[in-house]
Amino acid sequence: MVENFDVFTEQSQLIARRAYEIALQHRHSTIDESHMLLALLESTDDVLTKLFEVMSLDIQQLKNETYMVMKRQRKVAFWKGQNYQFFATPTIKGLIEDSVSISKKLGQEKVSSAHVFAGLVNVSLKNHQAENGSNVAQILINSKITARKVLEDLKMIDTKSKDNKKAQKT
């Protein structure tokens, strides 16, 4: 498990915070992949926005489908502003580990929100293949989002970014 969350960019930490807020708003006692997906889809992070554009994702459609998933989730019965303990699901823990691994694989020092998205896709689809799939995995499958495609597009964005920086120096 990741022990130092300083490896996450400020944007990716804000997304984690937003996932918590979404769970709180919906009166859920666990933070799961639906909360994380919605937080990622709501993000205005430049790299994540560029990734979504390259992938030609219909963000509004994905948001709508994610809201529908969250509406069907069990709510905490007596929610009166009390302090409830929240838990992260094992999928979220796997997502964090995969995000760190992906950023290292791409030679990045920090885990960006795009790496978090890649981690979410990777762990959700792995769980689906192991017959522990979720509604979020089904959303990803229906939208033709694959871990390979996300990784390829991330590499392409990174390469273009590096090429632009080299061109600016000359």
C-alpha atoms as a PDB file:
ATOM      1  CA  MET A   1       0.000   0.000   0.000  1.00  0.00           C
ATOM      2  CA  VAL A   2       1.110   3.568  -0.685  1.00  0.00           C
ATOM      3  CA  GLU A   3       2.516   5.153   2.435  1.00  0.00           C
ATOM      4  CA  ASN A   4       3.422   8.594   1.102  1.00  0.00           C
ATOM      5  CA  PHE A   5       0.590  10.450  -0.568  1.00  0.00           C
ATOM      6  CA  ASP A   6       2.965  13.280  -1.491  1.00  0.00           C
ATOM      7  CA  VAL A   7       3.567  11.385  -4.738  1.00  0.00           C
ATOM      8  CA  PHE A   8       0.067  12.455  -5.832  1.00  0.00           C
ATOM      9  CA  THR A   9      -0.346  15.807  -7.573  1.00  0.00           C
ATOM     10  CA  GLU A  10      -2.529  18.436  -5.993  1.00  0.00           C
ATOM     11  CA  GLN A  11      -5.161  17.771  -8.675  1.00  0.00           C
ATOM     12  CA  SER A  12      -5.271  14.036  -7.958  1.00  0.00           C
ATOM     13  CA  GLN A  13      -5.583  14.743  -4.234  1.00  0.00           C
ATOM     14  CA  LEU A  14      -8.482  17.105  -4.981  1.00  0.00           C
ATOM     15  CA  ILE A  15     -10.178  14.340  -6.952  1.00  0.00           C
ATOM     16  CA  ALA A  16      -9.835  11.984  -3.984  1.00  0.00           C
ATOM     17  CA  ARG A  17     -11.356  14.667  -1.767  1.00  0.00           C
ATOM     18  CA  ARG A  18     -14.192  15.156  -4.247  1.00  0.00           C
ATOM     19  CA  ALA A  19     -14.880  11.389  -4.284  1.00  0.00           C
ATOM     20  CA  TYR A  20     -15.279  11.564  -0.497  1.00  0.00           C
ATOM     21  CA  GLU A  21     -17.666  14.543  -0.837  1.00  0.00           C
ATOM     22  CA  ILE A  22     -19.741  12.697  -3.435  1.00  0.00           C
ATOM     23  CA  ALA A  23     -20.059   9.675  -1.141  1.00  0.00           C
ATOM     24  CA  LEU A  24     -21.082  12.000   1.679  1.00  0.00           C
ATOM     25  CA  GLN A  25     -23.684  13.784  -0.475  1.00  0.00           C
ATOM     26  CA  HIS A  26     -25.223  10.464  -1.482  1.00  0.00           C
ATOM     27  CA  ARG A  27     -25.185   9.140   2.110  1.00  0.00           C
ATOM     28  CA  HIS A  28     -22.929   6.211   1.255  1.00  0.00           C
ATOM     29  CA  SER A  29     -20.707   4.668   3.911  1.00  0.00           C
ATOM     30  CA  THR A  30     -18.021   3.495   1.486  1.00  0.00           C
ATOM     31  CA  ILE A  31     -16.037   5.343  -1.119  1.00  0.00           C
ATOM     32  CA  ASP A  32     -16.033   3.182  -4.196  1.00  0.00           C
ATOM     33  CA  GLU A  33     -15.185   3.362  -7.859  1.00  0.00           C
ATOM     34  CA  SER A  34     -18.441   5.132  -8.797  1.00  0.00           C
ATOM     35  CA  HIS A  35     -17.550   8.060  -6.543  1.00  0.00           C
ATOM     36  CA  MET A  36     -14.028   8.161  -7.944  1.00  0.00           C
ATOM     37  CA  LEU A  37     -15.251   7.949 -11.546  1.00  0.00           C
ATOM     38  CA  LEU A  38     -17.680  10.816 -11.056  1.00  0.00           C
ATOM     39  CA  ALA A  39     -14.984  12.929  -9.381  1.00  0.00           C
ATOM     40  CA  LEU A  40     -12.662  12.262 -12.332  1.00  0.00           C
ATOM     41  CA  LEU A  41     -15.392  13.110 -14.843  1.00  0.00           C
ATOM     42  CA  GLU A  42     -16.108  16.393 -13.033  1.00  0.00           C
ATOM     43  CA  SER A  43     -12.447  17.390 -12.953  1.00  0.00           C
ATOM     44  CA  THR A  44     -11.117  20.311 -14.969  1.00  0.00           C
ATOM     45  CA  ASP A  45      -7.529  19.040 -14.821  1.00  0.00           C
ATOM     46  CA  ASP A  46      -5.854  19.826 -18.182  1.00  0.00           C
ATOM     47  CA  VAL A  47      -4.163  16.447 -18.642  1.00  0.00           C
ATOM     48  CA  LEU A  48      -7.309  14.536 -17.767  1.00  0.00           C
ATOM     49  CA  THR A  49      -9.410  16.762 -20.033  1.00  0.00           C
ATOM     50  CA  LYS A  50      -6.949  16.178 -22.877  1.00  0.00           C
ATOM     51  CA  LEU A  51      -7.060  12.415 -22.253  1.00  0.00           C
ATOM     52  CA  PHE A  52     -10.861  12.416 -22.376  1.00  0.00           C
ATOM     53  CA  GLU A  53     -10.772  14.416 -25.620  1.00  0.00           C
ATOM     54  CA  VAL A  54      -8.242  12.065 -27.235  1.00  0.00           C
ATOM     55  CA  MET A  55     -10.402   9.107 -26.187  1.00  0.00           C
ATOM     56  CA  SER A  56     -13.518  10.869 -27.604  1.00  0.00           C
ATOM     57  CA  LEU A  57     -15.481  10.169 -24.431  1.00  0.00           C
ATOM     58  CA  ASP A  58     -19.010  11.461 -23.971  1.00  0.00           C
ATOM     59  CA  ILE A  59     -18.449  12.896 -20.504  1.00  0.00           C
ATOM     60  CA  GLN A  60     -22.071  13.865 -19.898  1.00  0.00           C
ATOM     61  CA  GLN A  61     -23.293  10.386 -20.813  1.00  0.00           C
ATOM     62  CA  LEU A  62     -20.691   8.819 -18.500  1.00  0.00           C
ATOM     63  CA  LYS A  63     -21.737  11.166 -15.683  1.00  0.00           C
ATOM     64  CA  ASN A  64     -25.407  10.270 -16.185  1.00  0.00           C
ATOM     65  CA  GLU A  65     -24.666   6.545 -16.095  1.00  0.00           C
ATOM     66  CA  THR A  66     -22.513   6.963 -12.986  1.00  0.00           C
ATOM     67  CA  TYR A  67     -25.280   8.933 -11.225  1.00  0.00           C
ATOM     68  CA  MET A  68     -27.681   6.086 -11.977  1.00  0.00           C
ATOM     69  CA  VAL A  69     -25.271   3.591 -10.413  1.00  0.00           C
ATOM     70  CA  MET A  70     -24.944   5.725  -7.281  1.00  0.00           C
ATOM     71  CA  LYS A  71     -28.710   6.156  -6.940  1.00  0.00           C
ATOM     72  CA  ARG A  72     -29.066   2.372  -6.614  1.00  0.00           C
ATOM     73  CA  GLN A  73     -26.435   2.078  -3.878  1.00  0.00           C
ATOM     74  CA  ARG A  74     -27.453   1.567  -0.269  1.00  0.00           C
ATOM     75  CA  LYS A  75     -27.652   4.721   1.822  1.00  0.00           C
ATOM     76  CA  VAL A  76     -26.896   5.154   5.505  1.00  0.00           C
ATOM     77  CA  ALA A  77     -30.326   5.045   7.170  1.00  0.00           C
ATOM     78  CA  PHE A  78     -30.090   7.784   9.786  1.00  0.00           C
ATOM     79  CA  TRP A  79     -28.142  10.622   8.242  1.00  0.00           C
ATOM     80  CA  LYS A  80     -28.512  13.748  10.351  1.00  0.00           C
ATOM     81  CA  GLY A  81     -25.149  15.403   9.902  1.00  0.00           C
ATOM     82  CA  GLN A  82     -23.564  12.887  12.220  1.00  0.00           C
ATOM     83  CA  ASN A  83     -19.952  11.897  11.857  1.00  0.00           C
ATOM     84  CA  TYR A  84     -19.903   8.561  10.113  1.00  0.00           C
ATOM     85  CA  GLN A  85     -16.817   6.562   9.432  1.00  0.00           C
ATOM     86  CA  PHE A  86     -16.130   6.076   5.741  1.00  0.00           C
ATOM     87  CA  PHE A  87     -14.316   3.129   4.256  1.00  0.00           C
ATOM     88  CA  ALA A  88     -12.513   2.789   0.974  1.00  0.00           C
ATOM     89  CA  THR A  89     -13.330  -0.403  -0.878  1.00  0.00           C
ATOM     90  CA  PRO A  90     -10.559  -2.832  -1.846  1.00  0.00           C
ATOM     91  CA  THR A  91     -11.027  -1.619  -5.422  1.00  0.00           C
ATOM     92  CA  ILE A  92     -10.079   1.912  -4.353  1.00  0.00           C
ATOM     93  CA  LYS A  93      -7.009   0.582  -2.588  1.00  0.00           C
ATOM     94  CA  GLY A  94      -6.048  -1.297  -5.759  1.00  0.00           C
ATOM     95  CA  LEU A  95      -6.719   1.821  -7.811  1.00  0.00           C
ATOM     96  CA  ILE A  96      -4.245   3.798  -5.695  1.00  0.00           C
ATOM     97  CA  GLU A  97      -1.554   1.151  -6.095  1.00  0.00           C
ATOM     98  CA  ASP A  98      -2.174   0.845  -9.847  1.00  0.00           C
ATOM     99  CA  SER A  99      -2.053   4.644 -10.249  1.00  0.00           C
ATOM    100  CA  VAL A 100       1.384   4.779  -8.638  1.00  0.00           C
ATOM    101  CA  SER A 101       2.572   1.861 -10.756  1.00  0.00           C
ATOM    102  CA  ILE A 102       1.298   3.464 -13.971  1.00  0.00           C
ATOM    103  CA  SER A 103       2.969   6.807 -13.228  1.00  0.00           C
ATOM    104  CA  LYS A 104       6.284   5.013 -12.597  1.00  0.00           C
ATOM    105  CA  LYS A 105       5.859   2.973 -15.779  1.00  0.00           C
ATOM    106  CA  LEU A 106       5.461   6.232 -17.707  1.00  0.00           C
ATOM    107  CA  GLY A 107       8.506   7.743 -16.008  1.00  0.00           C
ATOM    108  CA  GLN A 108       6.541  10.335 -14.034  1.00  0.00           C
ATOM    109  CA  GLU A 109       7.534  11.523 -10.574  1.00  0.00           C
ATOM    110  CA  LYS A 110       4.000  12.358  -9.502  1.00  0.00           C
ATOM    111  CA  VAL A 111       0.692  10.550  -9.840  1.00  0.00           C
ATOM    112  CA  SER A 112      -1.614  12.751 -11.903  1.00  0.00           C
ATOM    113  CA  SER A 113      -5.383  12.573 -12.171  1.00  0.00           C
ATOM    114  CA  ALA A 114      -4.915  10.885 -15.566  1.00  0.00           C
ATOM    115  CA  HIS A 115      -2.904   8.147 -13.828  1.00  0.00           C
ATOM    116  CA  VAL A 116      -5.741   7.792 -11.310  1.00  0.00           C
ATOM    117  CA  PHE A 117      -8.202   7.378 -14.191  1.00  0.00           C
ATOM    118  CA  ALA A 118      -5.933   4.751 -15.753  1.00  0.00           C
ATOM    119  CA  GLY A 119      -5.724   2.985 -12.389  1.00  0.00           C
ATOM    120  CA  LEU A 120      -9.508   3.047 -12.049  1.00  0.00           C
ATOM    121  CA  VAL A 121      -9.997   1.553 -15.494  1.00  0.00           C
ATOM    122  CA  ASN A 122      -7.321  -1.071 -14.893  1.00  0.00           C
ATOM    123  CA  VAL A 123      -8.580  -2.285 -11.512  1.00  0.00           C
ATOM    124  CA  SER A 124     -12.278  -2.130 -12.464  1.00  0.00           C
ATOM    125  CA  LEU A 125     -11.778  -4.204 -15.579  1.00  0.00           C
ATOM    126  CA  LYS A 126      -9.471  -6.679 -13.778  1.00  0.00           C
ATOM    127  CA  ASN A 127     -12.198  -7.192 -11.169  1.00  0.00           C
ATOM    128  CA  HIS A 128     -14.761  -7.653 -13.915  1.00  0.00           C
ATOM    129  CA  GLN A 129     -12.638 -10.350 -15.546  1.00  0.00           C
ATOM    130  CA  ALA A 130     -12.332 -12.073 -12.159  1.00  0.00           C
ATOM    131  CA  GLU A 131     -16.139 -12.053 -11.962  1.00  0.00           C
ATOM    132  CA  ASN A 132     -16.087  -9.400  -9.228  1.00  0.00           C
ATOM    133  CA  GLY A 133     -17.268  -6.780 -11.675  1.00  0.00           C
ATOM    134  CA  SER A 134     -19.176  -3.693 -10.780  1.00  0.00           C
ATOM    135  CA  ASN A 135     -21.594  -1.410 -12.523  1.00  0.00           C
ATOM    136  CA  VAL A 136     -18.681   0.961 -13.155  1.00  0.00           C
ATOM    137  CA  ALA A 137     -16.841  -1.789 -15.012  1.00  0.00           C
ATOM    138  CA  GLN A 138     -19.938  -2.247 -17.154  1.00  0.00           C
ATOM    139  CA  ILE A 139     -20.033   1.498 -17.896  1.00  0.00           C
ATOM    140  CA  LEU A 140     -16.385   1.330 -19.000  1.00  0.00           C
ATOM    141  CA  ILE A 141     -17.019  -1.729 -21.160  1.00  0.00           C
ATOM    142  CA  ASN A 142     -20.100  -0.183 -22.774  1.00  0.00           C
ATOM    143  CA  SER A 143     -18.073   2.964 -23.533  1.00  0.00           C
ATOM    144  CA  LYS A 144     -15.286   0.828 -25.055  1.00  0.00           C
ATOM    145  CA  ILE A 145     -12.766   2.109 -22.507  1.00  0.00           C
ATOM    146  CA  THR A 146      -9.923  -0.341 -22.047  1.00  0.00           C
ATOM    147  CA  ALA A 147      -6.825  -0.215 -19.876  1.00  0.00           C
ATOM    148  CA  ARG A 148      -4.642  -0.633 -22.967  1.00  0.00           C
ATOM    149  CA  LYS A 149      -6.339   2.272 -24.783  1.00  0.00           C
ATOM    150  CA  VAL A 150      -5.994   4.573 -21.764  1.00  0.00           C
ATOM    151  CA  LEU A 151      -2.311   3.713 -21.397  1.00  0.00           C
ATOM    152  CA  GLU A 152      -1.625   4.184 -25.128  1.00  0.00           C
ATOM    153  CA  ASP A 153      -3.379   7.551 -25.154  1.00  0.00           C
ATOM    154  CA  LEU A 154      -1.531   8.642 -22.011  1.00  0.00           C
ATOM    155  CA  LYS A 155       1.783   7.755 -23.653  1.00  0.00           C
ATOM    156  CA  MET A 156       0.802   9.673 -26.788  1.00  0.00           C
ATOM    157  CA  ILE A 157      -0.168  12.760 -24.777  1.00  0.00           C
ATOM    158  CA  ASP A 158       3.106  12.532 -22.826  1.00  0.00           C
ATOM    159  CA  THR A 159       5.150  12.208 -26.033  1.00  0.00           C
ATOM    160  CA  LYS A 160       3.407  15.199 -27.627  1.00  0.00           C
ATOM    161  CA  SER A 161       3.941  17.233 -24.464  1.00  0.00           C
ATOM    162  CA  LYS A 162       7.659  16.397 -24.425  1.00  0.00           C
ATOM    163  CA  ASP A 163       7.965  17.188 -28.148  1.00  0.00           C
ATOM    164  CA  ASN A 164       6.270  20.572 -27.620  1.00  0.00           C
ATOM    165  CA  LYS A 165       8.655  21.384 -24.761  1.00  0.00           C
ATOM    166  CA  LYS A 166      11.674  20.492 -26.944  1.00  0.00           C
ATOM    167  CA  ALA A 167      10.337  22.635 -29.788  1.00  0.00           C
ATOM    168  CA  GLN A 168       9.871  25.604 -27.442  1.00  0.00           C
ATOM    169  CA  LYS A 169      13.485  25.329 -26.263  1.00  0.00           C
ATOM    170  CA  THR A 170      14.867  25.581 -29.793  1.00  0.00           C
END
